[in-house]
């Protein structure tokens, strides 16, 4: 014979499962983007993933400071080659952490970046070139060299 405590535990567990599965499915369906601060990541109308303003951003405002690792260009290959930035020398590349890698290209960018050498190491600093509306996709210009090296 089951004790009252055992019956309660079984009913509580079954109720949690019965309510948790539909709630999880509903939340997963509604929350298709991830984000933090001024940036969220979602499906781009241009290509794959893209970065979007999760709030209005003012001209010249810093959007994100991305810690970066500087590596030799020999260390970069395959698909990663499409996600690195020029380093402090001709043969060095910056691998940006954070959302900085996911901004798509536009010849009319609304974002630009510069390298900052902090006490902790290199950072890629992304800032707004103009006022940006909430929900607008964030773009920077990859530069002519990027396109010529990829045909």
Protein backbone atom coordinates (compact mmCIF):
# COMPACT_ATOMS: atom_id res chain seq x y z
CA UNK A 1 0.00 0.00 0.00
CA UNK A 2 1.28 3.46 -0.91
CA UNK A 3 1.62 6.09 1.79
CA UNK A 4 -0.03 9.51 1.45
CA UNK A 5 3.43 11.07 0.85
CA UNK A 6 4.16 8.67 -2.03
CA UNK A 7 0.82 9.44 -3.66
CA UNK A 8 1.45 13.19 -3.31
CA UNK A 9 4.92 12.88 -4.90
CA UNK A 10 3.53 10.87 -7.83
CA UNK A 11 0.69 13.37 -8.42
CA UNK A 12 3.07 16.36 -8.14
CA UNK A 13 5.54 14.83 -10.62
CA UNK A 14 2.80 13.92 -13.11
CA UNK A 15 1.30 17.43 -12.83
CA UNK A 16 4.72 19.04 -13.39
CA UNK A 17 5.32 16.98 -16.50
CA UNK A 18 1.79 17.55 -17.81
CA UNK A 19 2.13 21.33 -17.42
CA UNK A 20 5.86 21.64 -18.19
CA UNK A 21 5.89 20.04 -21.64
CA UNK A 22 3.24 22.32 -23.24
CA UNK A 23 4.67 25.39 -21.48
CA UNK A 24 8.16 24.58 -22.79
CA UNK A 25 6.83 24.11 -26.33
CA UNK A 26 4.98 27.42 -26.16
CA UNK A 27 8.02 29.32 -24.86
CA UNK A 28 10.34 27.74 -27.43
CA UNK A 29 8.01 28.77 -30.24
CA UNK A 30 7.83 32.41 -29.14
CA UNK A 31 11.50 32.92 -28.27
CA UNK A 32 13.37 32.40 -31.56
CA UNK A 33 16.09 34.99 -30.98
CA UNK A 34 18.80 35.36 -28.38
CA UNK A 35 20.21 38.59 -27.11
CA UNK A 36 21.80 40.77 -24.51
CA UNK A 37 22.24 44.50 -24.14
CA UNK A 38 21.46 46.40 -27.34
CA UNK A 39 21.86 43.36 -29.64
CA UNK A 40 19.75 40.31 -30.39
CA UNK A 41 20.50 37.57 -32.90
CA UNK A 42 17.86 36.20 -35.24
CA UNK A 43 17.21 35.19 -38.85
CA UNK A 44 18.57 37.72 -41.30
CA UNK A 45 16.83 38.82 -44.46
CA UNK A 46 20.30 39.02 -46.04
CA UNK A 47 22.04 35.77 -45.09
CA UNK A 48 21.68 33.21 -42.30
CA UNK A 49 21.85 34.82 -38.88
CA UNK A 50 21.98 38.53 -38.27
CA UNK A 51 22.34 41.03 -35.46
CA UNK A 52 19.41 43.32 -34.64
CA UNK A 53 18.90 46.32 -32.39
CA UNK A 54 16.94 45.13 -29.35
CA UNK A 55 16.31 48.78 -28.45
CA UNK A 56 16.80 52.16 -30.09
CA UNK A 57 20.49 53.06 -30.41
CA UNK A 58 21.81 56.62 -30.72
CA UNK A 59 24.40 57.76 -33.24
CA UNK A 60 28.00 57.15 -31.99
CA UNK A 61 26.76 54.95 -29.11
CA UNK A 62 28.95 51.92 -28.41
CA UNK A 63 26.84 48.87 -29.18
CA UNK A 64 29.19 46.15 -28.02
CA UNK A 65 32.79 45.65 -26.92
CA UNK A 66 33.88 42.24 -28.17
CA UNK A 67 36.93 40.65 -26.56
CA UNK A 68 39.18 39.40 -29.34
CA UNK A 69 42.00 36.92 -29.71
CA UNK A 70 44.77 37.81 -32.13
CA UNK A 71 46.08 34.84 -34.09
CA UNK A 72 48.31 34.23 -37.08
CA UNK A 73 46.53 34.09 -40.43
CA UNK A 74 47.93 30.52 -40.73
CA UNK A 75 45.72 29.57 -37.75
CA UNK A 76 42.58 30.65 -39.58
CA UNK A 77 41.00 28.44 -42.20
CA UNK A 78 37.76 27.01 -43.48
CA UNK A 79 34.55 28.82 -42.60
CA UNK A 80 36.27 30.75 -39.78
CA UNK A 81 38.05 32.79 -42.47
CA UNK A 82 34.71 34.55 -43.10
CA UNK A 83 34.41 35.69 -39.47
CA UNK A 84 37.77 37.25 -38.60
CA UNK A 85 39.01 40.84 -38.71
CA UNK A 86 42.37 42.31 -39.67
CA UNK A 87 44.84 42.29 -36.80
CA UNK A 88 47.66 44.61 -35.77
CA UNK A 89 49.95 43.33 -38.54
CA UNK A 90 49.53 42.04 -42.11
CA UNK A 91 49.74 38.39 -41.05
CA UNK A 92 47.54 38.64 -37.94
CA UNK A 93 43.77 38.27 -37.57
CA UNK A 94 41.33 39.08 -34.78
CA UNK A 95 38.81 36.45 -33.74
CA UNK A 96 36.02 38.46 -32.10
CA UNK A 97 33.97 36.95 -29.30
CA UNK A 98 30.41 38.01 -28.60
CA UNK A 99 27.95 39.02 -31.29
CA UNK A 100 30.52 40.97 -33.34
CA UNK A 101 31.05 38.00 -35.64
CA UNK A 102 27.39 37.88 -36.66
CA UNK A 103 26.88 41.36 -38.14
CA UNK A 104 26.22 41.11 -41.89
CA UNK A 105 27.62 43.32 -44.65
CA UNK A 106 26.06 46.36 -46.26
CA UNK A 107 27.63 48.98 -48.53
CA UNK A 108 25.50 51.48 -46.53
CA UNK A 109 26.35 50.33 -42.99
CA UNK A 110 24.72 51.61 -39.82
CA UNK A 111 27.58 50.31 -37.63
CA UNK A 112 31.36 50.66 -37.73
CA UNK A 113 34.11 49.24 -35.55
CA UNK A 114 37.60 49.93 -34.32
CA UNK A 115 40.21 47.98 -32.43
CA UNK A 116 40.93 48.94 -28.83
CA UNK A 117 43.83 47.50 -26.87
CA UNK A 118 42.60 47.28 -23.28
CA UNK A 119 44.49 45.97 -20.24
CA UNK A 120 42.89 42.59 -20.88
CA UNK A 121 43.87 42.48 -24.56
CA UNK A 122 42.44 43.41 -27.92
CA UNK A 123 38.77 44.34 -28.24
CA UNK A 124 36.63 45.03 -31.27
CA UNK A 125 34.41 48.01 -30.44
CA UNK A 126 31.19 48.31 -32.46
CA UNK A 127 29.42 51.68 -32.55
CA UNK A 128 26.45 53.27 -34.33
CA UNK A 129 27.11 55.45 -37.37
CA UNK A 130 23.60 56.91 -37.12
CA UNK A 131 20.46 56.55 -35.00
CA UNK A 132 19.19 52.97 -35.26
CA UNK A 133 15.59 51.93 -34.64
CA UNK A 134 14.63 49.00 -32.44
CA UNK A 135 14.35 45.86 -34.61
CA UNK A 136 16.61 47.19 -37.39
CA UNK A 137 19.32 44.83 -38.61
CA UNK A 138 22.85 45.93 -37.79
CA UNK A 139 25.38 46.02 -40.65
CA UNK A 140 28.96 47.08 -41.13
CA UNK A 141 30.94 47.25 -44.35
CA UNK A 142 33.30 44.29 -44.75
CA UNK A 143 35.59 46.34 -47.01
CA UNK A 144 36.78 45.86 -50.57
CA UNK A 145 39.63 43.50 -49.57
CA UNK A 146 37.17 41.05 -48.04
CA UNK A 147 35.26 40.74 -51.32
CA UNK A 148 38.28 40.61 -53.64
CA UNK A 149 39.84 37.75 -51.66
CA UNK A 150 36.64 35.73 -52.10
CA UNK A 151 36.07 36.27 -55.83
